[in-house]
């Protein structure tokens, strides 16, 4: 009887330990998932900003005489 009680106790402790481990892993997964979502959002924002900057640089280049005169210079040679 005593041995059986000890086995039950050990089994219960092991189950409790495993349940706690599962819960901890679930929380870790939730945290990682939230982090992934945040990074995706930041990535979209940066891509959008990058496009705006690219367009701005293109507009500056097309408006600047420095970039437009390279063709005429090479034709003169």
N, C-alpha and C. Protein backbone atom coordinates (compact mmCIF):
# COMPACT_ATOMS: atom_id res chain seq x y z
N UNK A 1 0.85 -1.21 0.00
CA UNK A 1 0.00 0.00 0.00
C UNK A 1 0.88 1.26 0.00
N UNK A 2 1.88 1.27 0.85
CA UNK A 2 2.78 2.41 0.97
C UNK A 2 3.51 2.68 -0.35
N UNK A 3 3.97 1.59 -0.98
CA UNK A 3 4.68 1.68 -2.25
C UNK A 3 3.79 2.27 -3.34
N UNK A 4 2.55 1.83 -3.36
CA UNK A 4 1.57 2.30 -4.33
C UNK A 4 1.30 3.80 -4.16
N UNK A 5 1.22 4.25 -2.93
CA UNK A 5 1.02 5.68 -2.65
C UNK A 5 2.19 6.52 -3.16
N UNK A 6 3.39 6.00 -2.92
CA UNK A 6 4.60 6.70 -3.38
C UNK A 6 4.63 6.77 -4.91
N UNK A 7 4.24 5.68 -5.57
CA UNK A 7 4.20 5.66 -7.04
C UNK A 7 3.19 6.68 -7.56
N UNK A 8 2.00 6.70 -6.91
CA UNK A 8 0.98 7.67 -7.31
C UNK A 8 1.47 9.10 -7.13
N UNK A 9 2.14 9.32 -6.03
CA UNK A 9 2.68 10.66 -5.73
C UNK A 9 3.71 11.07 -6.79
N UNK A 10 4.60 10.15 -7.11
CA UNK A 10 5.64 10.42 -8.11
C UNK A 10 5.01 10.68 -9.47
N UNK A 11 3.99 9.89 -9.80
CA UNK A 11 3.29 10.04 -11.08
C UNK A 11 2.60 11.40 -11.16
N UNK A 12 1.97 11.78 -10.06
CA UNK A 12 1.27 13.06 -9.98
C UNK A 12 2.27 14.22 -10.14
N UNK A 13 3.40 14.11 -9.48
CA UNK A 13 4.43 15.15 -9.58
C UNK A 13 4.96 15.27 -11.00
N UNK A 14 5.16 14.13 -11.65
CA UNK A 14 5.64 14.11 -13.03
C UNK A 14 4.61 14.75 -13.96
N UNK A 15 3.33 14.43 -13.77
CA UNK A 15 2.26 15.01 -14.58
C UNK A 15 2.21 16.52 -14.39
N UNK A 16 2.32 16.94 -13.14
CA UNK A 16 2.30 18.38 -12.82
C UNK A 16 3.46 19.09 -13.50
N UNK A 17 4.63 18.46 -13.43
CA UNK A 17 5.83 19.04 -14.06
C UNK A 17 5.63 19.18 -15.57
N UNK A 18 5.07 18.12 -16.18
CA UNK A 18 4.85 18.15 -17.63
C UNK A 18 3.81 19.21 -18.02
N UNK A 19 2.75 19.30 -17.23
CA UNK A 19 1.72 20.31 -17.50
C UNK A 19 2.32 21.72 -17.43
N UNK A 20 3.12 21.96 -16.40
CA UNK A 20 3.77 23.27 -16.26
C UNK A 20 4.70 23.56 -17.44
N UNK A 21 5.40 22.52 -17.88
CA UNK A 21 6.31 22.68 -19.01
C UNK A 21 5.52 23.01 -20.28
N UNK A 22 4.40 22.33 -20.50
CA UNK A 22 3.54 22.59 -21.67
C UNK A 22 3.02 24.03 -21.63
N UNK A 23 2.57 24.46 -20.45
CA UNK A 23 2.05 25.82 -20.31
C UNK A 23 3.14 26.86 -20.61
N UNK A 24 4.33 26.59 -20.12
CA UNK A 24 5.46 27.49 -20.36
C UNK A 24 5.77 27.57 -21.85
N UNK A 25 5.76 26.42 -22.51
CA UNK A 25 6.02 26.39 -23.95
C UNK A 25 4.93 27.12 -24.73
N UNK A 26 3.68 27.00 -24.28
CA UNK A 26 2.58 27.72 -24.94
C UNK A 26 2.79 29.23 -24.83
N UNK A 27 3.21 29.68 -23.65
CA UNK A 27 3.46 31.11 -23.46
C UNK A 27 4.62 31.58 -24.34
N UNK A 28 5.67 30.78 -24.41
CA UNK A 28 6.81 31.11 -25.26
C UNK A 28 6.37 31.22 -26.71
N UNK A 29 5.55 30.28 -27.14
CA UNK A 29 5.05 30.28 -28.52
C UNK A 29 4.20 31.53 -28.79
N UNK A 30 3.35 31.88 -27.83
CA UNK A 30 2.53 33.10 -27.97
C UNK A 30 3.41 34.33 -28.09
N UNK A 31 4.44 34.41 -27.26
CA UNK A 31 5.37 35.54 -27.31
C UNK A 31 6.08 35.62 -28.66
N UNK A 32 6.56 34.47 -29.14
CA UNK A 32 7.25 34.44 -30.43
C UNK A 32 6.32 34.82 -31.57
N UNK A 33 5.10 34.34 -31.49
CA UNK A 33 4.10 34.65 -32.52
C UNK A 33 3.81 36.15 -32.56
N UNK A 34 3.67 36.75 -31.39
CA UNK A 34 3.44 38.19 -31.31
C UNK A 34 4.64 38.95 -31.87
N UNK A 35 5.83 38.47 -31.58
CA UNK A 35 7.07 39.11 -32.08
C UNK A 35 7.13 39.03 -33.60
N UNK A 36 6.78 37.87 -34.16
CA UNK A 36 6.77 37.69 -35.61
C UNK A 36 5.79 38.68 -36.26
N UNK A 37 4.60 38.82 -35.66
CA UNK A 37 3.61 39.76 -36.18
C UNK A 37 4.15 41.19 -36.16
N UNK A 38 4.80 41.56 -35.07
CA UNK A 38 5.36 42.91 -34.94
C UNK A 38 6.44 43.16 -35.99
N UNK A 39 7.29 42.15 -36.21
CA UNK A 39 8.37 42.28 -37.19
C UNK A 39 7.80 42.38 -38.61
N UNK A 40 6.76 41.59 -38.90
CA UNK A 40 6.10 41.67 -40.22
C UNK A 40 5.55 43.06 -40.46
N UNK A 41 4.89 43.60 -39.44
CA UNK A 41 4.31 44.94 -39.53
C UNK A 41 5.39 45.99 -39.79
N UNK A 42 6.47 45.90 -39.02
CA UNK A 42 7.60 46.83 -39.18
C UNK A 42 8.19 46.71 -40.58
N UNK A 43 8.30 45.49 -41.07
CA UNK A 43 8.85 45.23 -42.39
C UNK A 43 8.01 45.90 -43.48
N UNK A 44 6.68 45.77 -43.37
CA UNK A 44 5.79 46.42 -44.34
C UNK A 44 5.95 47.94 -44.32
N UNK A 45 6.06 48.48 -43.10
CA UNK A 45 6.22 49.93 -42.95
C UNK A 45 7.52 50.39 -43.61
N UNK A 46 8.61 49.64 -43.37
CA UNK A 46 9.90 50.00 -43.94
C UNK A 46 9.91 49.85 -45.46
N UNK A 47 9.25 48.81 -45.97
CA UNK A 47 9.15 48.65 -47.43
C UNK A 47 8.46 49.83 -48.06
N UNK A 48 7.38 50.26 -47.42
CA UNK A 48 6.62 51.40 -47.91
C UNK A 48 7.47 52.67 -47.90
N UNK A 49 8.17 52.91 -46.79
CA UNK A 49 9.06 54.08 -46.69
C UNK A 49 10.16 54.01 -47.74
N UNK A 50 10.66 52.83 -47.98
CA UNK A 50 11.71 52.62 -48.97
C UNK A 50 11.23 53.00 -50.36
N UNK A 51 9.99 52.61 -50.68
CA UNK A 51 9.41 52.95 -51.99
C UNK A 51 9.29 54.46 -52.14
N UNK A 52 8.82 55.12 -51.09
CA UNK A 52 8.67 56.57 -51.11
C UNK A 52 10.04 57.23 -51.34
N UNK A 53 11.04 56.76 -50.61
CA UNK A 53 12.39 57.33 -50.76
C UNK A 53 12.95 57.06 -52.16
N UNK A 54 12.71 55.86 -52.67
CA UNK A 54 13.17 55.52 -54.02
C UNK A 54 12.56 56.45 -55.05
N UNK A 55 11.26 56.69 -54.91
CA UNK A 55 10.55 57.58 -55.83
C UNK A 55 11.10 59.00 -55.71
N UNK A 56 11.34 59.43 -54.49
CA UNK A 56 11.88 60.77 -54.23
C UNK A 56 13.25 60.94 -54.89
N UNK A 57 14.11 59.93 -54.73
CA UNK A 57 15.45 59.97 -55.32
C UNK A 57 15.36 60.00 -56.85
N UNK A 58 14.45 59.18 -57.39
CA UNK A 58 14.25 59.18 -58.85
C UNK A 58 13.83 60.55 -59.34
N UNK A 59 12.89 61.18 -58.63
CA UNK A 59 12.42 62.52 -59.00
C UNK A 59 13.55 63.54 -58.93
N UNK A 60 14.37 63.45 -57.88
CA UNK A 60 15.51 64.37 -57.75
C UNK A 60 16.48 64.19 -58.90
N UNK A 61 16.75 62.92 -59.23
CA UNK A 61 17.70 62.63 -60.30
C UNK A 61 17.18 63.14 -61.65
N UNK A 62 15.90 62.96 -61.89
CA UNK A 62 15.35 63.39 -63.18
C UNK A 62 15.28 64.92 -63.25
N UNK A 63 15.19 65.57 -62.10
CA UNK A 63 15.13 67.04 -62.08
C UNK A 63 16.52 67.67 -62.09
N UNK A 64 17.54 66.90 -61.79
CA UNK A 64 18.90 67.43 -61.67
C UNK A 64 19.64 67.41 -63.01
N UNK A 65 20.29 68.49 -63.31
CA UNK A 65 21.04 68.58 -64.57
C UNK A 65 22.28 67.67 -64.54
N UNK A 66 22.79 67.40 -63.36
CA UNK A 66 24.00 66.55 -63.23
C UNK A 66 23.75 65.18 -63.88
N UNK A 67 22.57 64.60 -63.64
CA UNK A 67 22.29 63.27 -64.15
C UNK A 67 21.83 63.30 -65.60
N UNK A 68 21.31 64.43 -66.06
CA UNK A 68 20.80 64.51 -67.43
C UNK A 68 21.90 64.79 -68.44
N UNK A 69 22.98 65.42 -68.04
CA UNK A 69 24.03 65.82 -68.98
C UNK A 69 24.98 64.67 -69.30
N UNK A 70 24.89 63.56 -68.61
CA UNK A 70 25.84 62.47 -68.88
C UNK A 70 25.69 61.93 -70.30
N UNK A 71 24.45 61.90 -70.82
CA UNK A 71 24.24 61.42 -72.19
C UNK A 71 24.91 62.34 -73.21
N UNK A 72 24.71 63.65 -73.08
CA UNK A 72 25.25 64.61 -74.06
C UNK A 72 26.77 64.62 -74.01
N UNK A 73 27.34 64.43 -72.81
CA UNK A 73 28.81 64.40 -72.68
C UNK A 73 29.38 63.22 -73.45
N UNK A 74 28.77 62.07 -73.30
CA UNK A 74 29.31 60.88 -73.96
C UNK A 74 29.12 60.96 -75.48
N UNK A 75 28.12 61.69 -75.94
CA UNK A 75 27.90 61.84 -77.39
C UNK A 75 28.96 62.78 -77.98
N UNK A 76 29.43 63.75 -77.19
CA UNK A 76 30.41 64.73 -77.68
C UNK A 76 31.77 64.08 -77.96
N UNK A 77 32.09 63.03 -77.23
CA UNK A 77 33.43 62.42 -77.31
C UNK A 77 33.80 61.99 -78.69
